[in-house]
Amino acid sequence: MTMRPPPLPEGTMSVKIMTWNVNGLRALLKLESFSPLQLALRENFDVLCFQEAKIQVKNVEEVKKALSDGYDHSF
């Protein structure tokens, strides 16, 4: 059983958005087993949205840098 919907027919225009309520993103990024790039390759999303409740303003740039490897845009 999977929660994934069936694939769209070939030629269908679509955007895949993945959202994740992390609640501890800095700790997640410190784990050697976590790779944002591997997540992107596995899930094949176009847009990734993280919701983070514990991040301080002073740490935002550090997190953006850690997540932006292989991506052109982040905000």
N, C-alpha and C. Protein backbone atom coordinates (compact mmCIF):
# COMPACT_ATOMS: atom_id res chain seq x y z
N MET A 1 0.85 -1.17 0.00
CA MET A 1 0.00 0.00 0.00
C MET A 1 0.89 1.23 0.00
N THR A 2 0.49 2.23 -0.78
CA THR A 2 1.26 3.47 -0.85
C THR A 2 0.31 4.66 -0.78
N MET A 3 0.83 5.76 -0.28
CA MET A 3 0.05 6.99 -0.22
C MET A 3 0.23 7.81 -1.50
N ARG A 4 1.07 7.34 -2.39
CA ARG A 4 1.35 8.09 -3.62
C ARG A 4 0.20 7.90 -4.61
N PRO A 5 -0.17 8.99 -5.29
CA PRO A 5 -1.19 8.85 -6.33
C PRO A 5 -0.59 8.17 -7.55
N PRO A 6 -1.44 7.63 -8.41
CA PRO A 6 -0.90 7.00 -9.63
C PRO A 6 -0.22 8.06 -10.49
N PRO A 7 0.75 7.67 -11.31
CA PRO A 7 1.42 8.64 -12.17
C PRO A 7 0.45 9.25 -13.18
N LEU A 8 0.74 10.49 -13.54
CA LEU A 8 -0.07 11.17 -14.55
C LEU A 8 0.26 10.63 -15.93
N PRO A 9 -0.68 10.68 -16.84
CA PRO A 9 -0.39 10.23 -18.20
C PRO A 9 0.76 11.05 -18.80
N GLU A 10 1.54 10.41 -19.65
CA GLU A 10 2.67 11.08 -20.28
C GLU A 10 2.19 12.31 -21.04
N GLY A 11 2.96 13.39 -20.94
CA GLY A 11 2.62 14.64 -21.61
C GLY A 11 1.77 15.58 -20.77
N THR A 12 1.33 15.13 -19.60
CA THR A 12 0.53 15.97 -18.71
C THR A 12 1.44 17.01 -18.06
N MET A 13 1.02 18.26 -18.08
CA MET A 13 1.77 19.32 -17.43
C MET A 13 1.43 19.31 -15.95
N SER A 14 2.45 19.31 -15.11
CA SER A 14 2.19 19.29 -13.67
C SER A 14 3.37 19.88 -12.92
N VAL A 15 3.12 20.23 -11.67
CA VAL A 15 4.15 20.67 -10.74
C VAL A 15 3.95 19.85 -9.48
N LYS A 16 5.01 19.20 -9.01
CA LYS A 16 4.93 18.40 -7.80
C LYS A 16 5.49 19.21 -6.64
N ILE A 17 4.65 19.43 -5.62
CA ILE A 17 5.03 20.21 -4.44
C ILE A 17 5.08 19.27 -3.25
N MET A 18 6.20 19.30 -2.54
CA MET A 18 6.34 18.50 -1.32
C MET A 18 6.43 19.46 -0.15
N THR A 19 5.69 19.18 0.90
CA THR A 19 5.74 20.01 2.10
C THR A 19 6.08 19.13 3.29
N TRP A 20 6.87 19.69 4.22
CA TRP A 20 7.35 18.92 5.35
C TRP A 20 7.37 19.80 6.59
N ASN A 21 6.64 19.41 7.62
CA ASN A 21 6.65 20.11 8.90
C ASN A 21 7.78 19.51 9.73
N VAL A 22 8.92 20.15 9.72
CA VAL A 22 10.15 19.56 10.25
C VAL A 22 10.25 19.65 11.76
N ASN A 23 10.06 20.84 12.34
CA ASN A 23 10.17 21.05 13.78
C ASN A 23 11.54 20.60 14.33
N GLY A 24 12.59 21.17 13.78
CA GLY A 24 13.95 20.85 14.20
C GLY A 24 14.86 20.70 12.99
N LEU A 25 14.78 21.62 12.05
CA LEU A 25 15.51 21.51 10.79
C LEU A 25 17.02 21.54 10.97
N ARG A 26 17.52 22.38 11.85
CA ARG A 26 18.98 22.44 12.06
C ARG A 26 19.50 21.10 12.55
N ALA A 27 18.79 20.45 13.46
CA ALA A 27 19.21 19.13 13.95
C ALA A 27 19.17 18.10 12.83
N LEU A 28 18.16 18.17 11.99
CA LEU A 28 18.04 17.24 10.86
C LEU A 28 19.22 17.39 9.91
N LEU A 29 19.61 18.63 9.63
CA LEU A 29 20.71 18.88 8.69
C LEU A 29 22.05 18.39 9.23
N LYS A 30 22.17 18.23 10.53
CA LYS A 30 23.42 17.75 11.12
C LYS A 30 23.56 16.22 11.02
N LEU A 31 22.47 15.53 10.73
CA LEU A 31 22.52 14.07 10.60
C LEU A 31 23.25 13.68 9.32
N GLU A 32 24.23 12.82 9.43
CA GLU A 32 24.97 12.37 8.26
C GLU A 32 24.08 11.60 7.29
N SER A 33 23.05 10.96 7.81
CA SER A 33 22.19 10.13 6.97
C SER A 33 21.18 10.95 6.16
N PHE A 34 21.05 12.26 6.46
CA PHE A 34 20.08 13.09 5.74
C PHE A 34 20.76 13.87 4.63
N SER A 35 20.21 13.77 3.43
CA SER A 35 20.72 14.51 2.28
C SER A 35 19.54 15.15 1.55
N PRO A 36 19.45 16.48 1.57
CA PRO A 36 18.37 17.12 0.82
C PRO A 36 18.39 16.76 -0.66
N LEU A 37 19.58 16.63 -1.23
CA LEU A 37 19.67 16.29 -2.65
C LEU A 37 19.16 14.88 -2.91
N GLN A 38 19.48 13.93 -2.04
CA GLN A 38 18.97 12.56 -2.19
C GLN A 38 17.44 12.53 -2.04
N LEU A 39 16.93 13.34 -1.13
CA LEU A 39 15.47 13.44 -0.96
C LEU A 39 14.84 13.94 -2.26
N ALA A 40 15.44 14.95 -2.86
CA ALA A 40 14.91 15.50 -4.11
C ALA A 40 14.94 14.47 -5.23
N LEU A 41 16.03 13.73 -5.33
CA LEU A 41 16.14 12.72 -6.37
C LEU A 41 15.12 11.59 -6.17
N ARG A 42 14.94 11.19 -4.92
CA ARG A 42 14.01 10.09 -4.62
C ARG A 42 12.55 10.50 -4.85
N GLU A 43 12.18 11.69 -4.40
CA GLU A 43 10.78 12.11 -4.45
C GLU A 43 10.43 12.85 -5.73
N ASN A 44 11.44 13.32 -6.46
CA ASN A 44 11.25 13.98 -7.76
C ASN A 44 10.25 15.14 -7.69
N PHE A 45 10.41 16.01 -6.69
CA PHE A 45 9.52 17.16 -6.57
C PHE A 45 10.09 18.36 -7.33
N ASP A 46 9.21 19.30 -7.62
CA ASP A 46 9.60 20.55 -8.26
C ASP A 46 9.80 21.66 -7.23
N VAL A 47 9.01 21.62 -6.17
CA VAL A 47 9.06 22.63 -5.11
C VAL A 47 9.04 21.91 -3.78
N LEU A 48 9.95 22.30 -2.88
CA LEU A 48 9.98 21.74 -1.53
C LEU A 48 9.75 22.86 -0.53
N CYS A 49 8.75 22.69 0.34
CA CYS A 49 8.43 23.68 1.36
C CYS A 49 8.67 23.07 2.73
N PHE A 50 9.52 23.70 3.51
CA PHE A 50 9.74 23.29 4.90
C PHE A 50 8.98 24.24 5.81
N GLN A 51 8.25 23.69 6.77
CA GLN A 51 7.68 24.49 7.84
C GLN A 51 8.54 24.21 9.06
N GLU A 52 9.01 25.27 9.68
CA GLU A 52 9.94 25.14 10.80
C GLU A 52 9.47 26.01 11.95
N ALA A 53 9.28 25.41 13.10
CA ALA A 53 8.79 26.15 14.26
C ALA A 53 9.91 26.59 15.20
N LYS A 54 11.09 25.97 15.10
CA LYS A 54 12.13 26.20 16.09
C LYS A 54 13.32 27.03 15.60
N ILE A 55 13.30 27.53 14.39
CA ILE A 55 14.47 28.22 13.87
C ILE A 55 14.49 29.68 14.32
N GLN A 56 15.67 30.17 14.65
CA GLN A 56 15.85 31.57 15.01
C GLN A 56 16.31 32.33 13.77
N VAL A 57 15.98 33.60 13.72
CA VAL A 57 16.33 34.44 12.57
C VAL A 57 17.82 34.36 12.27
N LYS A 58 18.66 34.32 13.30
CA LYS A 58 20.12 34.29 13.09
C LYS A 58 20.59 33.02 12.38
N ASN A 59 19.77 31.96 12.34
CA ASN A 59 20.16 30.70 11.71
C ASN A 59 19.59 30.48 10.32
N VAL A 60 18.77 31.39 9.84
CA VAL A 60 18.10 31.20 8.56
C VAL A 60 19.09 31.06 7.41
N GLU A 61 20.09 31.92 7.34
CA GLU A 61 21.05 31.86 6.23
C GLU A 61 21.84 30.55 6.25
N GLU A 62 22.21 30.07 7.42
CA GLU A 62 22.92 28.80 7.55
C GLU A 62 22.09 27.65 6.98
N VAL A 63 20.82 27.63 7.30
CA VAL A 63 19.92 26.58 6.82
C VAL A 63 19.71 26.70 5.31
N LYS A 64 19.50 27.92 4.82
CA LYS A 64 19.33 28.11 3.38
C LYS A 64 20.54 27.61 2.61
N LYS A 65 21.73 27.90 3.13
CA LYS A 65 22.95 27.45 2.45
C LYS A 65 23.03 25.92 2.44
N ALA A 66 22.69 25.29 3.55
CA ALA A 66 22.75 23.83 3.64
C ALA A 66 21.75 23.15 2.71
N LEU A 67 20.63 23.80 2.46
CA LEU A 67 19.59 23.21 1.63
C LEU A 67 19.68 23.57 0.15
N SER A 68 20.50 24.54 -0.18
CA SER A 68 20.47 25.06 -1.55
C SER A 68 21.41 24.35 -2.52
N ASP A 69 22.18 23.37 -2.07
CA ASP A 69 23.10 22.66 -2.95
C ASP A 69 22.31 22.01 -4.10
N GLY A 70 22.60 22.44 -5.31
CA GLY A 70 21.90 21.88 -6.47
C GLY A 70 20.66 22.64 -6.87
N TYR A 71 20.34 23.72 -6.17
CA TYR A 71 19.14 24.50 -6.48
C TYR A 71 19.52 25.94 -6.79
N ASP A 72 18.77 26.54 -7.70
CA ASP A 72 19.04 27.91 -8.11
C ASP A 72 18.33 28.95 -7.25
N HIS A 73 17.22 28.59 -6.65
CA HIS A 73 16.40 29.58 -5.95
C HIS A 73 15.98 29.07 -4.58
N SER A 74 15.99 29.97 -3.63
CA SER A 74 15.43 29.68 -2.31
C SER A 74 14.96 30.99 -1.70
N PHE A 75 13.93 30.91 -0.90
CA PHE A 75 13.44 32.10 -0.21
C PHE A 75 12.63 31.69 0.98
